[in-house]
Amino acid sequence: MNLLFMELQKCPLSWTPCILFFALCSAPVLALPDPTKPSTQTVDEKRGFMSSVLLQAHGDRLRLVAYFSTKLDSVAAGLPSCLCAIAACEKAVAASSGHDQPKLLFDHLMMDFV
């Protein structure tokens, strides 16, 4: 059995909003963006909220550069799920406007509508 799994069984993690905020803002998590490297952005929409992360290549992996989350406005949140997802993509692209045009990654179910 995995040693980490066994240790977590003894003392499970509790991710409160405050702990999660400080974990995401800590130095090992966020990297400084490099304007010379291409960016990749992931987008997700759940229950009227958009969440997105901006990633850049760091060696053979993608490293977290920024994260965005916001509540969709009441009109967008009231749309069918396929259109909510597109509204979330629009919000994510607007939030990352200071970066070069990132490659946008989203759920495969949204591909039929984009």
N, C-alpha and C. Protein backbone atom coordinates (compact mmCIF):
# COMPACT_ATOMS: atom_id res chain seq x y z
N MET A 1 0.84 -1.19 0.00
CA MET A 1 0.00 0.00 0.00
C MET A 1 0.89 1.25 0.00
N ASN A 2 0.43 2.28 -0.61
CA ASN A 2 1.18 3.53 -0.72
C ASN A 2 1.40 4.15 0.66
N LEU A 3 2.65 4.51 0.95
CA LEU A 3 3.00 5.09 2.25
C LEU A 3 2.27 6.41 2.49
N LEU A 4 2.18 7.26 1.48
CA LEU A 4 1.48 8.53 1.62
C LEU A 4 0.01 8.31 1.94
N PHE A 5 -0.60 7.34 1.27
CA PHE A 5 -2.01 7.03 1.53
C PHE A 5 -2.20 6.60 2.98
N MET A 6 -1.29 5.76 3.48
CA MET A 6 -1.39 5.29 4.86
C MET A 6 -1.24 6.44 5.85
N GLU A 7 -0.33 7.37 5.56
CA GLU A 7 -0.15 8.52 6.45
C GLU A 7 -1.38 9.42 6.44
N LEU A 8 -1.98 9.61 5.28
CA LEU A 8 -3.17 10.46 5.19
C LEU A 8 -4.36 9.84 5.90
N GLN A 9 -4.39 8.53 5.99
CA GLN A 9 -5.47 7.87 6.72
C GLN A 9 -5.39 8.20 8.21
N LYS A 10 -4.17 8.36 8.73
CA LYS A 10 -3.99 8.68 10.15
C LYS A 10 -4.44 10.11 10.45
N CYS A 11 -4.09 11.02 9.57
CA CYS A 11 -4.39 12.44 9.79
C CYS A 11 -4.89 13.03 8.47
N PRO A 12 -6.19 12.93 8.19
CA PRO A 12 -6.68 13.42 6.89
C PRO A 12 -6.56 14.94 6.77
N LEU A 13 -6.39 15.39 5.54
CA LEU A 13 -6.30 16.82 5.26
C LEU A 13 -7.68 17.45 5.35
N SER A 14 -7.74 18.65 5.84
CA SER A 14 -9.00 19.40 5.81
C SER A 14 -8.73 20.72 5.09
N TRP A 15 -9.28 20.85 3.89
CA TRP A 15 -9.06 22.02 3.06
C TRP A 15 -10.15 23.05 3.32
N THR A 16 -9.92 23.92 4.27
CA THR A 16 -10.84 25.02 4.49
C THR A 16 -10.50 26.12 3.48
N PRO A 17 -11.41 27.04 3.20
CA PRO A 17 -11.10 28.11 2.24
C PRO A 17 -9.84 28.90 2.62
N CYS A 18 -9.63 29.14 3.90
CA CYS A 18 -8.46 29.90 4.34
C CYS A 18 -7.17 29.12 4.09
N ILE A 19 -7.15 27.84 4.43
CA ILE A 19 -5.96 27.01 4.22
C ILE A 19 -5.68 26.88 2.73
N LEU A 20 -6.71 26.68 1.93
CA LEU A 20 -6.53 26.56 0.49
C LEU A 20 -5.97 27.85 -0.10
N PHE A 21 -6.48 29.00 0.35
CA PHE A 21 -5.98 30.29 -0.13
C PHE A 21 -4.49 30.43 0.14
N PHE A 22 -4.07 30.15 1.37
CA PHE A 22 -2.65 30.29 1.72
C PHE A 22 -1.79 29.26 0.99
N ALA A 23 -2.32 28.06 0.76
CA ALA A 23 -1.55 27.04 0.03
C ALA A 23 -1.33 27.47 -1.42
N LEU A 24 -2.36 28.05 -2.05
CA LEU A 24 -2.23 28.48 -3.44
C LEU A 24 -1.34 29.71 -3.59
N CYS A 25 -1.26 30.53 -2.56
CA CYS A 25 -0.43 31.73 -2.63
C CYS A 25 1.00 31.50 -2.17
N SER A 26 1.30 30.32 -1.69
CA SER A 26 2.66 30.07 -1.19
C SER A 26 3.63 29.97 -2.36
N ALA A 27 4.88 30.22 -2.08
CA ALA A 27 5.91 30.28 -3.11
C ALA A 27 6.05 29.02 -3.95
N PRO A 28 6.00 27.81 -3.39
CA PRO A 28 6.21 26.64 -4.23
C PRO A 28 5.11 26.41 -5.27
N VAL A 29 3.95 26.99 -5.06
CA VAL A 29 2.83 26.71 -5.95
C VAL A 29 2.85 27.60 -7.18
N LEU A 30 2.90 28.91 -6.99
CA LEU A 30 2.84 29.84 -8.11
C LEU A 30 4.24 30.19 -8.62
N ALA A 31 4.40 30.20 -9.92
CA ALA A 31 5.66 30.61 -10.53
C ALA A 31 5.46 31.97 -11.20
N LEU A 32 6.53 32.70 -11.39
CA LEU A 32 6.44 33.96 -12.12
C LEU A 32 6.26 33.65 -13.60
N PRO A 33 5.34 34.35 -14.27
CA PRO A 33 5.14 34.09 -15.69
C PRO A 33 6.33 34.55 -16.52
N ASP A 34 6.66 33.77 -17.53
CA ASP A 34 7.73 34.11 -18.47
C ASP A 34 7.07 34.53 -19.78
N PRO A 35 7.14 35.82 -20.14
CA PRO A 35 6.44 36.27 -21.35
C PRO A 35 6.97 35.66 -22.64
N THR A 36 8.15 35.04 -22.60
CA THR A 36 8.70 34.43 -23.82
C THR A 36 8.17 33.02 -24.05
N LYS A 37 7.55 32.41 -23.05
CA LYS A 37 7.05 31.04 -23.19
C LYS A 37 5.55 31.06 -23.50
N PRO A 38 5.08 30.09 -24.27
CA PRO A 38 3.64 30.00 -24.53
C PRO A 38 2.89 29.57 -23.28
N SER A 39 1.64 29.98 -23.19
CA SER A 39 0.80 29.66 -22.03
C SER A 39 -0.30 28.69 -22.42
N THR A 40 -0.74 27.93 -21.44
CA THR A 40 -1.90 27.05 -21.58
C THR A 40 -2.87 27.42 -20.48
N GLN A 41 -4.14 27.53 -20.80
CA GLN A 41 -5.14 27.89 -19.81
C GLN A 41 -6.22 26.82 -19.78
N THR A 42 -6.56 26.35 -18.58
CA THR A 42 -7.65 25.39 -18.42
C THR A 42 -8.86 26.12 -17.85
N VAL A 43 -10.04 25.70 -18.24
CA VAL A 43 -11.27 26.35 -17.80
C VAL A 43 -12.27 25.28 -17.37
N ASP A 44 -12.99 25.56 -16.30
CA ASP A 44 -14.05 24.67 -15.84
C ASP A 44 -15.20 25.53 -15.33
N GLU A 45 -16.41 25.05 -15.52
CA GLU A 45 -17.60 25.74 -15.03
C GLU A 45 -18.44 24.74 -14.25
N LYS A 46 -18.77 25.09 -13.03
CA LYS A 46 -19.63 24.25 -12.20
C LYS A 46 -20.57 25.15 -11.41
N ARG A 47 -21.85 24.86 -11.49
CA ARG A 47 -22.88 25.54 -10.69
C ARG A 47 -22.79 27.06 -10.73
N GLY A 48 -22.51 27.61 -11.90
CA GLY A 48 -22.49 29.06 -12.05
C GLY A 48 -21.17 29.73 -11.68
N PHE A 49 -20.12 28.95 -11.43
CA PHE A 49 -18.81 29.50 -11.10
C PHE A 49 -17.79 29.07 -12.14
N MET A 50 -16.91 29.99 -12.52
CA MET A 50 -15.83 29.69 -13.45
C MET A 50 -14.55 29.57 -12.65
N SER A 51 -13.77 28.54 -12.95
CA SER A 51 -12.43 28.43 -12.38
C SER A 51 -11.47 28.14 -13.52
N SER A 52 -10.30 28.74 -13.44
CA SER A 52 -9.33 28.63 -14.51
C SER A 52 -7.93 28.74 -13.95
N VAL A 53 -6.99 28.02 -14.55
CA VAL A 53 -5.58 28.16 -14.19
C VAL A 53 -4.78 28.43 -15.44
N LEU A 54 -3.75 29.24 -15.31
CA LEU A 54 -2.84 29.55 -16.40
C LEU A 54 -1.54 28.81 -16.12
N LEU A 55 -1.07 28.05 -17.10
CA LEU A 55 0.10 27.19 -16.95
C LEU A 55 1.15 27.54 -17.99
N GLN A 56 2.42 27.31 -17.63
CA GLN A 56 3.52 27.45 -18.58
C GLN A 56 4.45 26.26 -18.44
N ALA A 57 5.12 25.92 -19.53
CA ALA A 57 6.04 24.79 -19.53
C ALA A 57 7.21 25.08 -18.60
N HIS A 58 7.55 24.08 -17.81
CA HIS A 58 8.70 24.16 -16.90
C HIS A 58 9.37 22.79 -16.95
N GLY A 59 10.37 22.67 -17.81
CA GLY A 59 10.96 21.36 -18.05
C GLY A 59 9.99 20.52 -18.87
N ASP A 60 9.68 19.34 -18.40
CA ASP A 60 8.73 18.48 -19.12
C ASP A 60 7.33 18.54 -18.52
N ARG A 61 7.08 19.50 -17.63
CA ARG A 61 5.78 19.63 -16.98
C ARG A 61 5.22 21.03 -17.18
N LEU A 62 3.93 21.16 -16.88
CA LEU A 62 3.30 22.47 -16.87
C LEU A 62 3.29 22.98 -15.43
N ARG A 63 3.64 24.25 -15.25
CA ARG A 63 3.69 24.83 -13.92
C ARG A 63 2.65 25.93 -13.79
N LEU A 64 2.00 25.99 -12.63
CA LEU A 64 0.95 26.96 -12.35
C LEU A 64 1.54 28.37 -12.26
N VAL A 65 0.97 29.27 -13.05
CA VAL A 65 1.42 30.67 -13.07
C VAL A 65 0.38 31.57 -12.42
N ALA A 66 -0.90 31.31 -12.68
CA ALA A 66 -1.97 32.14 -12.13
C ALA A 66 -3.25 31.32 -12.07
N TYR A 67 -4.14 31.73 -11.21
CA TYR A 67 -5.45 31.10 -11.17
C TYR A 67 -6.51 32.18 -11.07
N PHE A 68 -7.65 31.90 -11.63
CA PHE A 68 -8.76 32.84 -11.66
C PHE A 68 -10.03 32.09 -11.27
N SER A 69 -10.91 32.74 -10.56
CA SER A 69 -12.23 32.17 -10.33
C SER A 69 -13.20 33.32 -10.11
N THR A 70 -14.40 33.13 -10.57
CA THR A 70 -15.42 34.16 -10.42
C THR A 70 -16.79 33.53 -10.58
N LYS A 71 -17.78 34.21 -10.09
CA LYS A 71 -19.15 33.77 -10.27
C LYS A 71 -19.66 34.36 -11.58
N LEU A 72 -20.32 33.54 -12.38
CA LEU A 72 -20.92 34.05 -13.61
C LEU A 72 -22.09 34.95 -13.26
N ASP A 73 -22.36 35.94 -14.10
CA ASP A 73 -23.50 36.81 -13.83
C ASP A 73 -24.79 36.00 -13.91
N SER A 74 -25.87 36.56 -13.41
CA SER A 74 -27.12 35.81 -13.30
C SER A 74 -27.67 35.38 -14.66
N VAL A 75 -27.44 36.18 -15.69
CA VAL A 75 -27.91 35.81 -17.03
C VAL A 75 -27.14 34.60 -17.54
N ALA A 76 -25.82 34.64 -17.45
CA ALA A 76 -25.00 33.52 -17.93
C ALA A 76 -25.24 32.27 -17.10
N ALA A 77 -25.41 32.43 -15.79
CA ALA A 77 -25.64 31.27 -14.92
C ALA A 77 -26.98 30.60 -15.21
N GLY A 78 -27.93 31.35 -15.75
CA GLY A 78 -29.24 30.79 -16.06
C GLY A 78 -29.32 30.11 -17.41
N LEU A 79 -28.27 30.17 -18.20
CA LEU A 79 -28.25 29.55 -19.52
C LEU A 79 -28.08 28.04 -19.41
N PRO A 80 -28.37 27.30 -20.48
CA PRO A 80 -28.09 25.86 -20.47
C PRO A 80 -26.60 25.61 -20.22
N SER A 81 -26.27 24.42 -19.74
CA SER A 81 -24.90 24.14 -19.31
C SER A 81 -23.87 24.35 -20.42
N CYS A 82 -24.23 24.04 -21.67
CA CYS A 82 -23.27 24.23 -22.76
C CYS A 82 -22.94 25.70 -22.94
N LEU A 83 -23.91 26.58 -22.79
CA LEU A 83 -23.66 28.01 -22.94
C LEU A 83 -23.00 28.61 -21.70
N CYS A 84 -23.28 28.04 -20.52
CA CYS A 84 -22.57 28.46 -19.31
C CYS A 84 -21.08 28.20 -19.46
N ALA A 85 -20.75 27.07 -20.06
CA ALA A 85 -19.34 26.71 -20.26
C ALA A 85 -18.66 27.71 -21.20
N ILE A 86 -19.36 28.14 -22.23
CA ILE A 86 -18.79 29.11 -23.16
C ILE A 86 -18.64 30.47 -22.47
N ALA A 87 -19.61 30.85 -21.63
CA ALA A 87 -19.49 32.09 -20.87
C ALA A 87 -18.30 32.02 -19.91
N ALA A 88 -18.05 30.84 -19.34
CA ALA A 88 -16.90 30.66 -18.46
C ALA A 88 -15.60 30.83 -19.24
N CYS A 89 -15.56 30.30 -20.47
CA CYS A 89 -14.36 30.48 -21.31
C CYS A 89 -14.12 31.95 -21.59
N GLU A 90 -15.18 32.69 -21.87
CA GLU A 90 -15.04 34.12 -22.15
C GLU A 90 -14.48 34.85 -20.93
N LYS A 91 -14.99 34.52 -19.74
CA LYS A 91 -14.49 35.15 -18.51
C LYS A 91 -13.03 34.80 -18.28
N ALA A 92 -12.67 33.54 -18.55
CA ALA A 92 -11.28 33.10 -18.33
C ALA A 92 -10.32 33.82 -19.26
N VAL A 93 -10.70 33.94 -20.52
CA VAL A 93 -9.84 34.63 -21.49
C VAL A 93 -9.71 36.10 -21.12
N ALA A 94 -10.80 36.72 -20.67
CA ALA A 94 -10.74 38.12 -20.25
C ALA A 94 -9.84 38.28 -19.02
N ALA A 95 -9.88 37.31 -18.10
CA ALA A 95 -9.06 37.40 -16.89
C ALA A 95 -7.57 37.28 -17.19
N SER A 96 -7.23 36.57 -18.26
CA SER A 96 -5.82 36.38 -18.60
C SER A 96 -5.37 37.31 -19.73
N SER A 97 -6.03 38.44 -19.87
CA SER A 97 -5.75 39.33 -21.00
C SER A 97 -4.35 39.92 -20.97
N GLY A 98 -3.68 39.92 -19.83
CA GLY A 98 -2.33 40.46 -19.76
C GLY A 98 -1.27 39.52 -20.30
N HIS A 99 -1.65 38.29 -20.60
CA HIS A 99 -0.70 37.29 -21.09
C HIS A 99 -0.91 37.10 -22.59
N ASP A 100 0.12 36.56 -23.26
CA ASP A 100 -0.05 36.23 -24.68
C ASP A 100 -1.21 35.27 -24.82
N GLN A 101 -1.79 35.22 -25.99
CA GLN A 101 -2.97 34.38 -26.21
C GLN A 101 -2.65 32.94 -25.83
N PRO A 102 -3.22 32.47 -24.70
CA PRO A 102 -2.90 31.10 -24.27
C PRO A 102 -3.68 30.07 -25.07
N LYS A 103 -3.13 28.86 -25.11
CA LYS A 103 -3.88 27.73 -25.66
C LYS A 103 -4.94 27.39 -24.63
N LEU A 104 -6.19 27.32 -25.03
CA LEU A 104 -7.30 27.13 -24.11
C LEU A 104 -7.69 25.66 -24.06
N LEU A 105 -7.70 25.08 -22.86
CA LEU A 105 -8.13 23.69 -22.65
C LEU A 105 -9.41 23.70 -21.84
N PHE A 106 -10.37 22.89 -22.27
CA PHE A 106 -11.62 22.80 -21.54
C PHE A 106 -12.18 21.41 -21.68
N ASP A 107 -13.25 21.14 -20.98
CA ASP A 107 -13.88 19.83 -20.96
C ASP A 107 -14.26 19.40 -22.37
N HIS A 108 -14.10 18.13 -22.68
CA HIS A 108 -14.39 17.65 -24.03
C HIS A 108 -15.86 17.79 -24.40
N LEU A 109 -16.75 17.87 -23.43
CA LEU A 109 -18.17 18.05 -23.73
C LEU A 109 -18.46 19.42 -24.32
N MET A 110 -17.60 20.41 -24.03
CA MET A 110 -17.81 21.76 -24.54
C MET A 110 -17.38 21.88 -25.99
N MET A 111 -16.57 20.95 -26.49
CA MET A 111 -16.02 21.07 -27.84
C MET A 111 -17.10 21.13 -28.92
N ASP A 112 -18.23 20.51 -28.67
CA ASP A 112 -19.30 20.52 -29.66
C ASP A 112 -19.89 21.91 -29.84
N PHE A 113 -19.69 22.79 -28.86
CA PHE A 113 -20.35 24.09 -28.89
C PHE A 113 -19.41 25.23 -29.22
N VAL A 114 -18.11 24.98 -29.23
CA VAL A 114 -17.15 26.06 -29.47
C VAL A 114 -16.77 26.10 -30.93
